[in-house]
Amino acid sequence: MTFEEVLKQALKKYEKQKGKEQVQEELEQYLQYAEAEKRRYGIKFEEGV
């Protein structure tokens, strides 16, 4: 099982526990935070890594 498959499986399990809407909101907040940190520190993330 690849790391990506493990993450997808964990996300599905988490969605069942918390509810899909709540999880989507948390992911959006995290992505906004990550974008802010990226700008703050000038971090470059590569797509598909």
N, C-alpha and C. Protein backbone atom coordinates (compact mmCIF):
# COMPACT_ATOMS: atom_id res chain seq x y z
N MET A 1 0.86 -1.19 0.00
CA MET A 1 0.00 0.00 0.00
C MET A 1 0.90 1.25 0.00
N THR A 2 0.59 2.16 -0.90
CA THR A 2 1.40 3.37 -1.00
C THR A 2 0.98 4.36 0.10
N PHE A 3 1.84 5.34 0.31
CA PHE A 3 1.55 6.37 1.30
C PHE A 3 0.26 7.10 0.95
N GLU A 4 0.07 7.38 -0.35
CA GLU A 4 -1.14 8.07 -0.80
C GLU A 4 -2.39 7.25 -0.49
N GLU A 5 -2.33 5.94 -0.69
CA GLU A 5 -3.47 5.07 -0.39
C GLU A 5 -3.79 5.07 1.09
N VAL A 6 -2.74 5.07 1.91
CA VAL A 6 -2.93 5.11 3.36
C VAL A 6 -3.61 6.41 3.76
N LEU A 7 -3.16 7.52 3.17
CA LEU A 7 -3.78 8.82 3.48
C LEU A 7 -5.24 8.86 3.07
N LYS A 8 -5.56 8.35 1.88
CA LYS A 8 -6.94 8.33 1.41
C LYS A 8 -7.82 7.50 2.33
N GLN A 9 -7.31 6.34 2.75
CA GLN A 9 -8.05 5.47 3.65
C GLN A 9 -8.29 6.16 5.00
N ALA A 10 -7.26 6.83 5.50
CA ALA A 10 -7.39 7.54 6.77
C ALA A 10 -8.40 8.69 6.66
N LEU A 11 -8.39 9.38 5.53
CA LEU A 11 -9.34 10.48 5.32
C LEU A 11 -10.77 9.96 5.31
N LYS A 12 -11.02 8.84 4.64
CA LYS A 12 -12.36 8.26 4.61
C LYS A 12 -12.83 7.90 6.01
N LYS A 13 -11.94 7.30 6.80
CA LYS A 13 -12.28 6.90 8.17
C LYS A 13 -12.59 8.15 9.01
N TYR A 14 -11.78 9.17 8.84
CA TYR A 14 -11.97 10.43 9.57
C TYR A 14 -13.28 11.09 9.18
N GLU A 15 -13.62 11.06 7.88
CA GLU A 15 -14.88 11.62 7.41
C GLU A 15 -16.07 10.90 8.03
N LYS A 16 -15.97 9.60 8.19
CA LYS A 16 -17.07 8.84 8.81
C LYS A 16 -17.26 9.27 10.26
N GLN A 17 -16.15 9.51 10.96
CA GLN A 17 -16.23 9.90 12.37
C GLN A 17 -16.76 11.32 12.55
N LYS A 18 -16.26 12.26 11.77
CA LYS A 18 -16.58 13.67 11.97
C LYS A 18 -17.67 14.20 11.06
N GLY A 19 -17.88 13.56 9.95
CA GLY A 19 -18.83 14.09 8.98
C GLY A 19 -18.08 14.81 7.87
N LYS A 20 -18.52 14.59 6.66
CA LYS A 20 -17.81 15.09 5.48
C LYS A 20 -17.69 16.62 5.47
N GLU A 21 -18.76 17.31 5.84
CA GLU A 21 -18.74 18.79 5.83
C GLU A 21 -17.68 19.33 6.78
N GLN A 22 -17.63 18.79 7.98
CA GLN A 22 -16.66 19.24 8.99
C GLN A 22 -15.24 19.01 8.50
N VAL A 23 -14.99 17.86 7.90
CA VAL A 23 -13.65 17.52 7.41
C VAL A 23 -13.25 18.48 6.28
N GLN A 24 -14.18 18.78 5.37
CA GLN A 24 -13.88 19.71 4.28
C GLN A 24 -13.51 21.09 4.82
N GLU A 25 -14.23 21.54 5.85
CA GLU A 25 -13.92 22.84 6.46
C GLU A 25 -12.53 22.82 7.08
N GLU A 26 -12.19 21.74 7.78
CA GLU A 26 -10.87 21.62 8.40
C GLU A 26 -9.78 21.62 7.33
N LEU A 27 -10.00 20.90 6.23
CA LEU A 27 -9.01 20.85 5.16
C LEU A 27 -8.82 22.23 4.53
N GLU A 28 -9.91 22.97 4.33
CA GLU A 28 -9.82 24.32 3.77
C GLU A 28 -9.00 25.23 4.69
N GLN A 29 -9.26 25.14 5.99
CA GLN A 29 -8.52 25.95 6.96
C GLN A 29 -7.04 25.59 6.92
N TYR A 30 -6.74 24.31 6.86
CA TYR A 30 -5.35 23.87 6.82
C TYR A 30 -4.66 24.36 5.55
N LEU A 31 -5.35 24.28 4.41
CA LEU A 31 -4.76 24.73 3.15
C LEU A 31 -4.49 26.24 3.18
N GLN A 32 -5.40 27.00 3.77
CA GLN A 32 -5.19 28.44 3.90
C GLN A 32 -3.97 28.73 4.77
N TYR A 33 -3.84 27.98 5.87
CA TYR A 33 -2.70 28.12 6.76
C TYR A 33 -1.40 27.77 6.04
N ALA A 34 -1.42 26.66 5.29
CA ALA A 34 -0.23 26.22 4.56
C ALA A 34 0.18 27.26 3.52
N GLU A 35 -0.79 27.84 2.82
CA GLU A 35 -0.49 28.89 1.84
C GLU A 35 0.14 30.10 2.51
N ALA A 36 -0.39 30.50 3.66
CA ALA A 36 0.15 31.64 4.39
C ALA A 36 1.58 31.36 4.83
N GLU A 37 1.84 30.18 5.34
CA GLU A 37 3.19 29.80 5.77
C GLU A 37 4.15 29.76 4.58
N LYS A 38 3.64 29.25 3.46
CA LYS A 38 4.46 29.18 2.25
C LYS A 38 4.91 30.59 1.84
N ARG A 39 3.97 31.53 1.85
CA ARG A 39 4.31 32.91 1.49
C ARG A 39 5.26 33.51 2.53
N ARG A 40 4.99 33.22 3.79
CA ARG A 40 5.78 33.80 4.88
C ARG A 40 7.24 33.37 4.82
N TYR A 41 7.45 32.09 4.55
CA TYR A 41 8.81 31.56 4.56
C TYR A 41 9.39 31.35 3.17
N GLY A 42 8.61 31.62 2.14
CA GLY A 42 9.10 31.44 0.78
C GLY A 42 9.35 29.99 0.44
N ILE A 43 8.56 29.09 1.02
CA ILE A 43 8.72 27.66 0.78
C ILE A 43 8.12 27.30 -0.57
N LYS A 44 8.82 26.47 -1.30
CA LYS A 44 8.30 26.01 -2.59
C LYS A 44 7.91 24.55 -2.47
N PHE A 45 6.63 24.26 -2.69
CA PHE A 45 6.14 22.89 -2.69
C PHE A 45 6.01 22.43 -4.13
N GLU A 46 6.46 21.23 -4.39
CA GLU A 46 6.36 20.69 -5.74
C GLU A 46 5.06 19.91 -5.88
N GLU A 47 4.38 20.11 -7.00
CA GLU A 47 3.16 19.37 -7.27
C GLU A 47 3.47 17.90 -7.50
N GLY A 48 2.62 17.03 -6.99
CA GLY A 48 2.74 15.60 -7.25
C GLY A 48 3.82 14.90 -6.46
N VAL A 49 4.35 15.56 -5.45
CA VAL A 49 5.39 14.92 -4.65
C VAL A 49 4.77 14.28 -3.44
